[in-house]
Every structure is written in structure tokens, then in C-alpha cells.
Amino acid sequence: MDKLSHFDAKGDAHMVDVSGKSISQRIAVAQGNISMTPQTLEIITKGSAKKGDVLGVARLAGIMAAKKTADLIPLCHPLPITKVALELTPDADLPGVRVVATVKTTGQTGVEMEALTAVTVACLTVYDMVKAVEKSMVISDIRLVLKDGGKSGRYEAG
């Protein structure tokens, strides 16, 4: 198993020094779900939630979260993000909303945490906006599905 990079020789947590890494194009894609009753999903898709456009607000929250990841995760580097895109897709088979976040940068470290944070906060925002109707919603399956760029190259979830 590879050495955990966020710990120094003494075992203390530290921010990884990326100054010696090459600058490269980097991308990460993460996904997750929020499951709910068909009735709650209908409220979202019909646009009748009392707090407004659930999917639009959740998309913006996810974008904002990706940009603030370094403020939330103690050892993440602040990065010059060049793209954040979120797709929020209502899915009657779930039932619920599927969320996919794509984040890009040109830099010395990847944007996996930014993509995962974007998905998580988008799901939490959906929850917040319709929790008055349903408190039993479940946020699940948040994971990295693609990462490319940097020394470790490409990763795609199976």
C-alpha cells in the first residue's frame, strides 16, 4: 500500500507540498443520488416546492461548494478552478435525483475533492429545499467516477 501523503514522517497531518509537481490539465467527475418518494420528486419536477427552483438552487450550491472546498476540507489546496458543471437529473426509477459534477483545473494537484464536495452539497441542498415535505430522503452512492491528469494518470470507476 502506498504511503499516505497527508502525514509526515512523525505521523502528523500536513498539507502536501505540490510545488515540485508538473502543471497539467486535470479533470474529476463525481456522482451521487438523493432518493425520495415519488410524490416529493413530483414536487421538484413540477417546480412547486415552496422554496423555489430546487434543481437550479442545488446546481448553484454545488458550484459554490466546489469553489470553497479548500475552506471546508483542512488539507485541500485552494485551486484555480477553470470549470464546474453539475447535472441534476430527476429519475423516477430511483425515485429521486441523480447528481453528476465535473470539475476542471490546470494545476499541480487534482480536483477530486472539489467534484465530490459539489455533489455532496448539491444533494444536501435538494434535501434542505424539500425537507418540509419529506424528512426520510436518503443521500447515497457519492463517489469518484473519473479522474484524469497528473502523475497518477487516469482513473475510471468500474
N, C-alpha and C. Protein backbone atom coordinates (compact mmCIF):
# COMPACT_ATOMS: atom_id res chain seq x y z
N MET A 1 0.85 -1.18 0.00
CA MET A 1 0.00 0.00 0.00
C MET A 1 0.90 1.24 0.00
N ASP A 2 0.53 2.22 -0.78
CA ASP A 2 1.28 3.47 -0.84
C ASP A 2 1.19 4.22 0.48
N LYS A 3 2.23 4.98 0.74
CA LYS A 3 2.27 5.83 1.93
C LYS A 3 1.18 6.90 1.82
N LEU A 4 0.52 7.18 2.92
CA LEU A 4 -0.50 8.22 2.93
C LEU A 4 0.19 9.58 2.88
N SER A 5 -0.11 10.36 1.88
CA SER A 5 0.64 11.59 1.63
C SER A 5 0.29 12.74 2.58
N HIS A 6 -0.81 12.66 3.31
CA HIS A 6 -1.19 13.75 4.20
C HIS A 6 -0.63 13.60 5.61
N PHE A 7 0.35 12.69 5.77
CA PHE A 7 1.01 12.51 7.06
C PHE A 7 2.51 12.59 6.86
N ASP A 8 3.18 13.29 7.76
CA ASP A 8 4.63 13.39 7.65
C ASP A 8 5.30 12.18 8.32
N ALA A 9 6.64 12.18 8.39
CA ALA A 9 7.38 11.05 8.94
C ALA A 9 7.02 10.74 10.39
N LYS A 10 6.59 11.76 11.13
CA LYS A 10 6.19 11.57 12.53
C LYS A 10 4.74 11.12 12.67
N GLY A 11 4.00 11.13 11.57
CA GLY A 11 2.59 10.76 11.62
C GLY A 11 1.65 11.93 11.82
N ASP A 12 2.19 13.16 11.76
CA ASP A 12 1.36 14.35 11.90
C ASP A 12 0.73 14.73 10.56
N ALA A 13 -0.50 15.18 10.60
CA ALA A 13 -1.17 15.63 9.39
C ALA A 13 -0.50 16.91 8.88
N HIS A 14 -0.38 17.00 7.55
CA HIS A 14 0.20 18.19 6.94
C HIS A 14 -0.34 18.35 5.52
N MET A 15 -0.22 19.55 5.00
CA MET A 15 -0.61 19.80 3.62
C MET A 15 0.53 19.34 2.72
N VAL A 16 0.21 18.56 1.71
CA VAL A 16 1.20 18.02 0.80
C VAL A 16 1.85 19.15 0.00
N ASP A 17 3.16 19.08 -0.15
CA ASP A 17 3.90 20.06 -0.96
C ASP A 17 3.80 19.64 -2.42
N VAL A 18 3.07 20.40 -3.21
CA VAL A 18 2.90 20.08 -4.64
C VAL A 18 3.79 20.95 -5.52
N SER A 19 4.66 21.73 -4.92
CA SER A 19 5.47 22.68 -5.69
C SER A 19 6.37 22.02 -6.72
N GLY A 20 6.75 20.78 -6.50
CA GLY A 20 7.61 20.09 -7.46
C GLY A 20 6.86 19.35 -8.55
N LYS A 21 5.53 19.34 -8.48
CA LYS A 21 4.72 18.63 -9.48
C LYS A 21 4.58 19.47 -10.74
N SER A 22 4.43 18.79 -11.84
CA SER A 22 4.21 19.48 -13.11
C SER A 22 2.79 20.02 -13.19
N ILE A 23 2.65 21.14 -13.86
CA ILE A 23 1.33 21.70 -14.13
C ILE A 23 0.73 20.92 -15.28
N SER A 24 -0.51 20.47 -15.10
CA SER A 24 -1.18 19.72 -16.17
C SER A 24 -2.68 19.96 -16.11
N GLN A 25 -3.33 19.61 -17.20
CA GLN A 25 -4.80 19.66 -17.25
C GLN A 25 -5.32 18.54 -16.36
N ARG A 26 -6.30 18.87 -15.54
CA ARG A 26 -6.87 17.88 -14.63
C ARG A 26 -8.39 17.97 -14.67
N ILE A 27 -9.01 16.81 -14.54
CA ILE A 27 -10.48 16.74 -14.52
C ILE A 27 -10.89 15.68 -13.51
N ALA A 28 -12.02 15.91 -12.88
CA ALA A 28 -12.62 14.91 -11.99
C ALA A 28 -14.13 14.95 -12.19
N VAL A 29 -14.73 13.79 -12.15
CA VAL A 29 -16.18 13.66 -12.24
C VAL A 29 -16.64 12.80 -11.07
N ALA A 30 -17.61 13.30 -10.33
CA ALA A 30 -18.18 12.56 -9.21
C ALA A 30 -19.68 12.47 -9.41
N GLN A 31 -20.29 11.52 -8.75
CA GLN A 31 -21.74 11.37 -8.83
C GLN A 31 -22.31 10.94 -7.50
N GLY A 32 -23.60 11.13 -7.35
CA GLY A 32 -24.31 10.71 -6.16
C GLY A 32 -25.81 10.80 -6.39
N ASN A 33 -26.57 10.33 -5.44
CA ASN A 33 -28.04 10.29 -5.56
C ASN A 33 -28.68 10.82 -4.29
N ILE A 34 -29.88 11.34 -4.46
CA ILE A 34 -30.76 11.58 -3.31
C ILE A 34 -32.09 10.92 -3.64
N SER A 35 -32.46 9.94 -2.83
CA SER A 35 -33.69 9.18 -3.04
C SER A 35 -34.81 9.76 -2.20
N MET A 36 -36.02 9.65 -2.73
CA MET A 36 -37.20 10.22 -2.07
C MET A 36 -38.44 9.51 -2.59
N THR A 37 -39.58 9.88 -2.06
CA THR A 37 -40.83 9.29 -2.55
C THR A 37 -41.16 9.87 -3.93
N PRO A 38 -41.96 9.15 -4.70
CA PRO A 38 -42.38 9.69 -5.98
C PRO A 38 -43.13 11.03 -5.84
N GLN A 39 -43.83 11.21 -4.74
CA GLN A 39 -44.58 12.45 -4.52
C GLN A 39 -43.63 13.63 -4.33
N THR A 40 -42.56 13.43 -3.60
CA THR A 40 -41.58 14.51 -3.40
C THR A 40 -40.88 14.82 -4.72
N LEU A 41 -40.52 13.79 -5.46
CA LEU A 41 -39.89 14.00 -6.77
C LEU A 41 -40.81 14.79 -7.69
N GLU A 42 -42.10 14.51 -7.62
CA GLU A 42 -43.06 15.25 -8.45
C GLU A 42 -43.10 16.74 -8.08
N ILE A 43 -43.01 17.04 -6.82
CA ILE A 43 -42.96 18.44 -6.37
C ILE A 43 -41.75 19.14 -6.99
N ILE A 44 -40.61 18.44 -7.01
CA ILE A 44 -39.39 19.01 -7.58
C ILE A 44 -39.54 19.21 -9.09
N THR A 45 -40.02 18.19 -9.78
CA THR A 45 -40.08 18.26 -11.24
C THR A 45 -41.16 19.23 -11.74
N LYS A 46 -42.22 19.39 -10.97
CA LYS A 46 -43.26 20.34 -11.36
C LYS A 46 -42.93 21.77 -10.95
N GLY A 47 -41.86 21.94 -10.17
CA GLY A 47 -41.46 23.28 -9.74
C GLY A 47 -42.38 23.88 -8.70
N SER A 48 -43.03 23.02 -7.90
CA SER A 48 -43.99 23.55 -6.93
C SER A 48 -43.47 23.55 -5.49
N ALA A 49 -42.17 23.40 -5.30
CA ALA A 49 -41.61 23.47 -3.95
C ALA A 49 -41.73 24.89 -3.43
N LYS A 50 -42.08 25.04 -2.16
CA LYS A 50 -42.30 26.38 -1.59
C LYS A 50 -41.04 27.24 -1.61
N LYS A 51 -39.86 26.61 -1.55
CA LYS A 51 -38.62 27.38 -1.54
C LYS A 51 -38.14 27.75 -2.94
N GLY A 52 -38.81 27.26 -3.99
CA GLY A 52 -38.45 27.67 -5.35
C GLY A 52 -37.87 26.54 -6.18
N ASP A 53 -37.03 26.92 -7.14
CA ASP A 53 -36.43 26.02 -8.12
C ASP A 53 -35.38 25.14 -7.45
N VAL A 54 -35.78 23.96 -7.04
CA VAL A 54 -34.91 23.07 -6.27
C VAL A 54 -33.65 22.71 -7.05
N LEU A 55 -33.80 22.28 -8.28
CA LEU A 55 -32.65 21.83 -9.05
C LEU A 55 -31.72 22.99 -9.41
N GLY A 56 -32.29 24.14 -9.72
CA GLY A 56 -31.47 25.31 -10.04
C GLY A 56 -30.66 25.79 -8.85
N VAL A 57 -31.29 25.83 -7.70
CA VAL A 57 -30.58 26.27 -6.49
C VAL A 57 -29.52 25.23 -6.11
N ALA A 58 -29.83 23.95 -6.22
CA ALA A 58 -28.87 22.90 -5.89
C ALA A 58 -27.67 22.94 -6.84
N ARG A 59 -27.91 23.23 -8.11
CA ARG A 59 -26.81 23.36 -9.07
C ARG A 59 -25.87 24.49 -8.65
N LEU A 60 -26.44 25.64 -8.32
CA LEU A 60 -25.60 26.77 -7.88
C LEU A 60 -24.86 26.45 -6.58
N ALA A 61 -25.52 25.78 -5.66
CA ALA A 61 -24.88 25.42 -4.40
C ALA A 61 -23.69 24.49 -4.65
N GLY A 62 -23.85 23.55 -5.57
CA GLY A 62 -22.76 22.64 -5.90
C GLY A 62 -21.57 23.37 -6.51
N ILE A 63 -21.86 24.32 -7.39
CA ILE A 63 -20.79 25.12 -8.00
C ILE A 63 -20.06 25.92 -6.92
N MET A 64 -20.81 26.57 -6.06
CA MET A 64 -20.20 27.35 -4.98
C MET A 64 -19.37 26.46 -4.06
N ALA A 65 -19.87 25.28 -3.77
CA ALA A 65 -19.16 24.36 -2.88
C ALA A 65 -17.83 23.93 -3.47
N ALA A 66 -17.81 23.62 -4.76
CA ALA A 66 -16.56 23.22 -5.40
C ALA A 66 -15.51 24.32 -5.24
N LYS A 67 -15.93 25.57 -5.38
CA LYS A 67 -15.01 26.70 -5.26
C LYS A 67 -14.55 26.92 -3.82
N LYS A 68 -15.27 26.40 -2.85
CA LYS A 68 -14.94 26.59 -1.43
C LYS A 68 -14.36 25.34 -0.77
N THR A 69 -14.04 24.34 -1.54
CA THR A 69 -13.58 23.06 -0.97
C THR A 69 -12.40 23.24 -0.03
N ALA A 70 -11.43 24.05 -0.41
CA ALA A 70 -10.25 24.25 0.44
C ALA A 70 -10.61 24.89 1.78
N ASP A 71 -11.75 25.59 1.84
CA ASP A 71 -12.21 26.17 3.11
C ASP A 71 -12.89 25.13 4.00
N LEU A 72 -13.32 24.03 3.40
CA LEU A 72 -14.08 23.00 4.12
C LEU A 72 -13.24 21.78 4.50
N ILE A 73 -12.33 21.39 3.64
CA ILE A 73 -11.50 20.21 3.86
C ILE A 73 -10.11 20.70 4.24
N PRO A 74 -9.68 20.48 5.48
CA PRO A 74 -8.50 21.15 6.02
C PRO A 74 -7.21 21.05 5.20
N LEU A 75 -6.94 19.94 4.54
CA LEU A 75 -5.66 19.79 3.86
C LEU A 75 -5.74 19.93 2.34
N CYS A 76 -6.88 20.39 1.84
CA CYS A 76 -7.02 20.62 0.39
C CYS A 76 -6.36 21.94 0.02
N HIS A 77 -5.74 21.94 -1.16
CA HIS A 77 -5.13 23.17 -1.68
C HIS A 77 -6.21 24.04 -2.32
N PRO A 78 -6.13 25.36 -2.14
CA PRO A 78 -7.01 26.24 -2.91
C PRO A 78 -6.56 26.19 -4.37
N LEU A 79 -7.48 25.96 -5.27
CA LEU A 79 -7.13 25.75 -6.67
C LEU A 79 -7.81 26.75 -7.60
N PRO A 80 -7.15 27.07 -8.71
CA PRO A 80 -7.78 27.91 -9.72
C PRO A 80 -8.69 27.05 -10.61
N ILE A 81 -9.91 26.87 -10.18
CA ILE A 81 -10.85 26.02 -10.92
C ILE A 81 -11.23 26.72 -12.22
N THR A 82 -11.16 25.96 -13.32
CA THR A 82 -11.49 26.53 -14.62
C THR A 82 -12.88 26.15 -15.11
N LYS A 83 -13.47 25.11 -14.50
CA LYS A 83 -14.83 24.71 -14.87
C LYS A 83 -15.46 23.92 -13.74
N VAL A 84 -16.72 24.22 -13.47
CA VAL A 84 -17.55 23.39 -12.60
C VAL A 84 -18.90 23.27 -13.30
N ALA A 85 -19.33 22.06 -13.55
CA ALA A 85 -20.64 21.83 -14.17
C ALA A 85 -21.36 20.75 -13.38
N LEU A 86 -22.62 20.98 -13.10
CA LEU A 86 -23.44 20.00 -12.40
C LEU A 86 -24.65 19.64 -13.24
N GLU A 87 -24.91 18.36 -13.30
CA GLU A 87 -26.12 17.85 -13.94
C GLU A 87 -26.98 17.24 -12.84
N LEU A 88 -28.19 17.73 -12.69
CA LEU A 88 -29.14 17.17 -11.73
C LEU A 88 -30.29 16.60 -12.53
N THR A 89 -30.42 15.28 -12.48
CA THR A 89 -31.38 14.59 -13.33
C THR A 89 -32.43 13.88 -12.48
N PRO A 90 -33.68 14.31 -12.58
CA PRO A 90 -34.75 13.57 -11.91
C PRO A 90 -34.84 12.16 -12.49
N ASP A 91 -35.00 11.17 -11.64
CA ASP A 91 -35.05 9.78 -12.08
C ASP A 91 -36.19 9.08 -11.35
N ALA A 92 -37.25 8.79 -12.08
CA ALA A 92 -38.42 8.14 -11.50
C ALA A 92 -38.11 6.73 -11.02
N ASP A 93 -37.11 6.08 -11.61
CA ASP A 93 -36.76 4.72 -11.21
C ASP A 93 -36.07 4.68 -9.85
N LEU A 94 -35.44 5.79 -9.45
CA LEU A 94 -34.73 5.82 -8.17
C LEU A 94 -35.72 5.72 -7.01
N PRO A 95 -36.78 6.36 -6.82
CA PRO A 95 -37.06 7.70 -7.34
C PRO A 95 -36.20 8.73 -6.59
N GLY A 96 -35.83 9.76 -7.34
CA GLY A 96 -35.02 10.81 -6.75
C GLY A 96 -34.28 11.59 -7.80
N VAL A 97 -33.15 12.15 -7.40
CA VAL A 97 -32.35 12.98 -8.28
C VAL A 97 -30.94 12.42 -8.33
N ARG A 98 -30.43 12.25 -9.52
CA ARG A 98 -29.04 11.84 -9.73
C ARG A 98 -28.22 13.11 -9.97
N VAL A 99 -27.08 13.22 -9.33
CA VAL A 99 -26.24 14.40 -9.43
C VAL A 99 -24.86 13.99 -9.96
N VAL A 100 -24.39 14.70 -10.99
CA VAL A 100 -23.06 14.49 -11.54
C VAL A 100 -22.36 15.83 -11.59
N ALA A 101 -21.14 15.87 -11.05
CA ALA A 101 -20.34 17.10 -11.06
C ALA A 101 -19.05 16.85 -11.84
N THR A 102 -18.72 17.80 -12.70
CA THR A 102 -17.47 17.78 -13.45
C THR A 102 -16.68 19.03 -13.08
N VAL A 103 -15.44 18.83 -12.67
CA VAL A 103 -14.59 19.96 -12.27
C VAL A 103 -13.27 19.85 -13.03
N LYS A 104 -12.79 21.00 -13.53
CA LYS A 104 -11.52 21.06 -14.25
C LYS A 104 -10.62 22.14 -13.68
N THR A 105 -9.32 21.91 -13.85
CA THR A 105 -8.31 22.91 -13.50
C THR A 105 -7.06 22.64 -14.32
N THR A 106 -6.19 23.60 -14.35
CA THR A 106 -4.83 23.42 -14.83
C THR A 106 -3.95 23.74 -13.64
N GLY A 107 -3.29 22.73 -13.11
CA GLY A 107 -2.53 22.97 -11.90
C GLY A 107 -1.65 21.81 -11.52
N GLN A 108 -1.21 21.82 -10.25
CA GLN A 108 -0.27 20.84 -9.75
C GLN A 108 -0.91 19.77 -8.88
N THR A 109 -2.20 19.85 -8.70
CA THR A 109 -2.91 18.82 -7.94
C THR A 109 -4.33 18.70 -8.49
N GLY A 110 -4.96 17.57 -8.22
CA GLY A 110 -6.24 17.26 -8.83
C GLY A 110 -7.44 17.89 -8.15
N VAL A 111 -8.59 17.68 -8.76
CA VAL A 111 -9.84 18.30 -8.31
C VAL A 111 -10.89 17.26 -7.89
N GLU A 112 -10.42 16.10 -7.44
CA GLU A 112 -11.36 15.07 -6.99
C GLU A 112 -12.20 15.55 -5.82
N MET A 113 -11.57 16.19 -4.85
CA MET A 113 -12.31 16.64 -3.68
C MET A 113 -13.33 17.71 -4.04
N GLU A 114 -13.00 18.55 -5.01
CA GLU A 114 -13.94 19.59 -5.44
C GLU A 114 -15.17 18.97 -6.09
N ALA A 115 -14.98 17.93 -6.91
CA ALA A 115 -16.11 17.26 -7.55
C ALA A 115 -16.97 16.54 -6.51
N LEU A 116 -16.34 15.86 -5.56
CA LEU A 116 -17.09 15.16 -4.52
C LEU A 116 -17.84 16.15 -3.62
N THR A 117 -17.23 17.27 -3.31
CA THR A 117 -17.88 18.29 -2.49
C THR A 117 -19.06 18.89 -3.22
N ALA A 118 -18.91 19.13 -4.51
CA ALA A 118 -20.01 19.69 -5.31
C ALA A 118 -21.23 18.77 -5.29
N VAL A 119 -21.00 17.48 -5.49
CA VAL A 119 -22.12 16.51 -5.47
C VAL A 119 -22.78 16.48 -4.10
N THR A 120 -21.97 16.42 -3.07
CA THR A 120 -22.49 16.33 -1.71
C THR A 120 -23.35 17.53 -1.35
N VAL A 121 -22.85 18.72 -1.63
CA VAL A 121 -23.59 19.93 -1.28
C VAL A 121 -24.84 20.09 -2.16
N ALA A 122 -24.77 19.68 -3.40
CA ALA A 122 -25.97 19.73 -4.25
C ALA A 122 -27.05 18.80 -3.67
N CYS A 123 -26.66 17.61 -3.25
CA CYS A 123 -27.64 16.69 -2.64
C CYS A 123 -28.19 17.25 -1.33
N LEU A 124 -27.32 17.82 -0.51
CA LEU A 124 -27.78 18.44 0.74
C LEU A 124 -28.75 19.59 0.47
N THR A 125 -28.51 20.33 -0.59
CA THR A 125 -29.40 21.45 -0.92
C THR A 125 -30.76 20.96 -1.36
N VAL A 126 -30.80 19.89 -2.16
CA VAL A 126 -32.09 19.30 -2.52
C VAL A 126 -32.82 18.91 -1.24
N TYR A 127 -32.11 18.25 -0.34
CA TYR A 127 -32.71 17.85 0.94
C TYR A 127 -33.27 19.06 1.67
N ASP A 128 -32.48 20.09 1.80
CA ASP A 128 -32.90 21.29 2.53
C ASP A 128 -34.15 21.91 1.92
N MET A 129 -34.22 21.93 0.62
CA MET A 129 -35.32 22.63 -0.04
C MET A 129 -36.65 21.90 0.04
N VAL A 130 -36.62 20.58 0.25
CA VAL A 130 -37.90 19.85 0.30
C VAL A 130 -38.07 19.04 1.59
N LYS A 131 -37.23 19.30 2.60
CA LYS A 131 -37.33 18.55 3.85
C LYS A 131 -38.66 18.78 4.57
N ALA A 132 -39.33 19.89 4.31
CA ALA A 132 -40.63 20.14 4.93
C ALA A 132 -41.67 19.12 4.44
N VAL A 133 -41.44 18.58 3.25
CA VAL A 133 -42.36 17.60 2.67
C VAL A 133 -41.95 16.18 3.04
N GLU A 134 -40.62 15.94 3.09
CA GLU A 134 -40.13 14.59 3.37
C GLU A 134 -38.78 14.65 4.09
N LYS A 135 -38.75 14.13 5.27
CA LYS A 135 -37.51 14.10 6.04
C LYS A 135 -36.74 12.78 5.87
N SER A 136 -37.35 11.80 5.24
CA SER A 136 -36.75 10.47 5.12
C SER A 136 -35.90 10.28 3.87
N MET A 137 -35.62 11.36 3.14
CA MET A 137 -34.78 11.24 1.94
C MET A 137 -33.42 10.68 2.32
N VAL A 138 -32.80 9.97 1.37
CA VAL A 138 -31.51 9.33 1.61
C VAL A 138 -30.51 9.80 0.55
N ILE A 139 -29.39 10.33 1.02
CA ILE A 139 -28.28 10.70 0.14
C ILE A 139 -27.34 9.51 0.11
N SER A 140 -26.98 9.06 -1.10
CA SER A 140 -26.18 7.84 -1.20
C SER A 140 -25.29 7.81 -2.44
N ASP A 141 -24.43 6.82 -2.42
CA ASP A 141 -23.61 6.46 -3.58
C ASP A 141 -22.75 7.59 -4.12
N ILE A 142 -22.28 8.47 -3.23
CA ILE A 142 -21.39 9.54 -3.67
C ILE A 142 -20.01 8.94 -3.89
N ARG A 143 -19.49 9.13 -5.10
CA ARG A 143 -18.20 8.52 -5.43
C ARG A 143 -17.55 9.21 -6.61
N LEU A 144 -16.26 9.02 -6.70
CA LEU A 144 -15.50 9.50 -7.84
C LEU A 144 -15.68 8.51 -8.98
N VAL A 145 -16.04 8.99 -10.16
CA VAL A 145 -16.20 8.09 -11.30
C VAL A 145 -15.13 8.29 -12.37
N LEU A 146 -14.46 9.45 -12.34
CA LEU A 146 -13.40 9.70 -13.31
C LEU A 146 -12.43 10.72 -12.74
N LYS A 147 -11.16 10.48 -12.99
CA LYS A 147 -10.10 11.42 -12.63
C LYS A 147 -9.05 11.28 -13.71
N ASP A 148 -8.58 12.39 -14.23
CA ASP A 148 -7.53 12.31 -15.25
C ASP A 148 -6.58 13.48 -15.07
N GLY A 149 -5.30 13.23 -15.38
CA GLY A 149 -4.27 14.24 -15.28
C GLY A 149 -3.35 13.96 -14.10
N GLY A 150 -2.19 14.55 -14.16
CA GLY A 150 -1.24 14.39 -13.08
C GLY A 150 -0.44 13.10 -13.18
N LYS A 151 0.41 12.88 -12.19
CA LYS A 151 1.34 11.76 -12.17
C LYS A 151 0.63 10.40 -12.18
N SER A 152 -0.48 10.32 -11.46
CA SER A 152 -1.16 9.01 -11.38
C SER A 152 -2.03 8.71 -12.60
N GLY A 153 -2.18 9.67 -13.51
CA GLY A 153 -2.88 9.40 -14.76
C GLY A 153 -4.39 9.31 -14.62
N ARG A 154 -4.96 8.39 -15.37
CA ARG A 154 -6.41 8.28 -15.48
C ARG A 154 -6.95 7.19 -14.56
N TYR A 155 -8.08 7.50 -13.94
CA TYR A 155 -8.83 6.53 -13.14
C TYR A 155 -10.27 6.58 -13.61
N GLU A 156 -10.86 5.45 -13.86
CA GLU A 156 -12.30 5.36 -14.17
C GLU A 156 -12.89 4.27 -13.28
N ALA A 157 -13.99 4.60 -12.61
CA ALA A 157 -14.66 3.61 -11.76
C ALA A 157 -15.22 2.50 -12.62
N GLY A 158 -15.17 1.30 -12.08
CA GLY A 158 -15.67 0.14 -12.81
C GLY A 158 -17.16 -0.01 -12.72
